[in-house]
């Protein structure tokens, strides 16, 4: 069974969303499934980096934690003596 005929889970979307998926697939010359996969991956990455940014902001706002992280980073910065800066 190839990818084109394989039936997977169905997801209900609005007519507008369906049209956008179709338009993107046509303009990008990829399948609608690939459009959805790329959109999901982009959203996953966006959420990951947003959470990472929030975590770094929380560390920076906590003076004690920021100091601990800076000390730990200094240890790793001096871990090698290969002369590369």
Protein backbone atom coordinates (compact mmCIF):
# COMPACT_ATOMS: atom_id res chain seq x y z
CA UNK A 1 0.00 0.00 0.00
CA UNK A 2 1.55 3.32 -0.97
CA UNK A 3 1.38 6.65 0.89
CA UNK A 4 -1.28 8.09 -1.43
CA UNK A 5 -3.85 5.32 -0.81
CA UNK A 6 -3.10 4.63 2.85
CA UNK A 7 -5.94 5.81 5.06
CA UNK A 8 -4.97 7.28 8.40
CA UNK A 9 -6.82 9.09 11.15
CA UNK A 10 -9.24 11.78 10.06
CA UNK A 11 -9.25 15.29 11.44
CA UNK A 12 -12.11 17.70 10.94
CA UNK A 13 -11.14 21.15 9.73
CA UNK A 14 -13.13 24.15 8.57
CA UNK A 15 -13.78 24.68 4.88
CA UNK A 16 -11.42 27.66 4.97
CA UNK A 17 -8.64 25.58 6.51
CA UNK A 18 -9.19 22.86 3.90
CA UNK A 19 -8.91 25.42 1.09
CA UNK A 20 -5.71 26.85 2.56
CA UNK A 21 -4.19 23.36 2.84
CA UNK A 22 -5.13 22.64 -0.77
CA UNK A 23 -3.69 25.97 -1.97
CA UNK A 24 -0.45 25.46 -0.05
CA UNK A 25 -0.07 21.91 -1.35
CA UNK A 26 -0.58 23.06 -4.91
CA UNK A 27 1.74 26.06 -4.70
CA UNK A 28 4.46 24.09 -2.90
CA UNK A 29 3.94 21.03 -5.11
CA UNK A 30 3.65 18.70 -2.11
CA UNK A 31 0.84 16.58 -0.73
CA UNK A 32 -1.77 17.92 1.66
CA UNK A 33 -0.41 15.50 4.24
CA UNK A 34 3.04 17.06 3.90
CA UNK A 35 1.53 20.54 4.31
CA UNK A 36 -0.08 19.45 7.57
CA UNK A 37 3.10 17.73 8.76
CA UNK A 38 5.18 20.84 8.05
CA UNK A 39 2.63 23.04 9.82
CA UNK A 40 2.58 20.79 12.88
CA UNK A 41 6.40 20.70 13.01
CA UNK A 42 6.59 24.49 12.68
CA UNK A 43 4.12 24.90 15.53
CA UNK A 44 6.00 22.38 17.67
CA UNK A 45 9.25 24.29 17.12
CA UNK A 46 7.56 27.63 17.83
CA UNK A 47 6.22 26.35 21.15
CA UNK A 48 9.58 24.78 22.05
CA UNK A 49 11.49 28.03 21.49
CA UNK A 50 8.81 30.12 23.21
CA UNK A 51 9.07 27.89 26.29
CA UNK A 52 12.86 28.02 26.16
CA UNK A 53 12.73 31.84 26.00
CA UNK A 54 10.35 31.94 28.96
CA UNK A 55 12.66 29.60 30.91
CA UNK A 56 15.70 31.80 30.21
CA UNK A 57 13.72 34.89 31.23
CA UNK A 58 12.72 33.18 34.49
CA UNK A 59 16.36 32.31 35.20
CA UNK A 60 17.45 35.88 34.44
CA UNK A 61 14.75 37.26 36.77
CA UNK A 62 15.98 35.05 39.62
CA UNK A 63 19.32 36.52 40.68
CA UNK A 64 20.43 33.46 42.62
CA UNK A 65 19.56 31.09 39.78
CA UNK A 66 21.21 33.38 37.21
CA UNK A 67 24.38 33.38 39.30
CA UNK A 68 24.36 29.58 39.56
CA UNK A 69 23.91 29.23 35.80
CA UNK A 70 26.72 31.72 35.13
CA UNK A 71 29.04 29.76 37.44
CA UNK A 72 28.16 26.50 35.69
CA UNK A 73 28.69 28.06 32.27
CA UNK A 74 32.11 29.32 33.38
CA UNK A 75 33.09 25.75 34.28
CA UNK A 76 32.21 24.53 30.80
CA UNK A 77 33.89 27.53 29.14
CA UNK A 78 37.18 26.56 30.77
CA UNK A 79 36.81 22.78 30.38
CA UNK A 80 39.23 22.47 27.48
CA UNK A 81 42.69 23.84 26.98
CA UNK A 82 42.75 23.63 23.21
CA UNK A 83 43.37 27.36 22.85
CA UNK A 84 40.15 28.00 20.96
CA UNK A 85 38.19 30.93 22.30
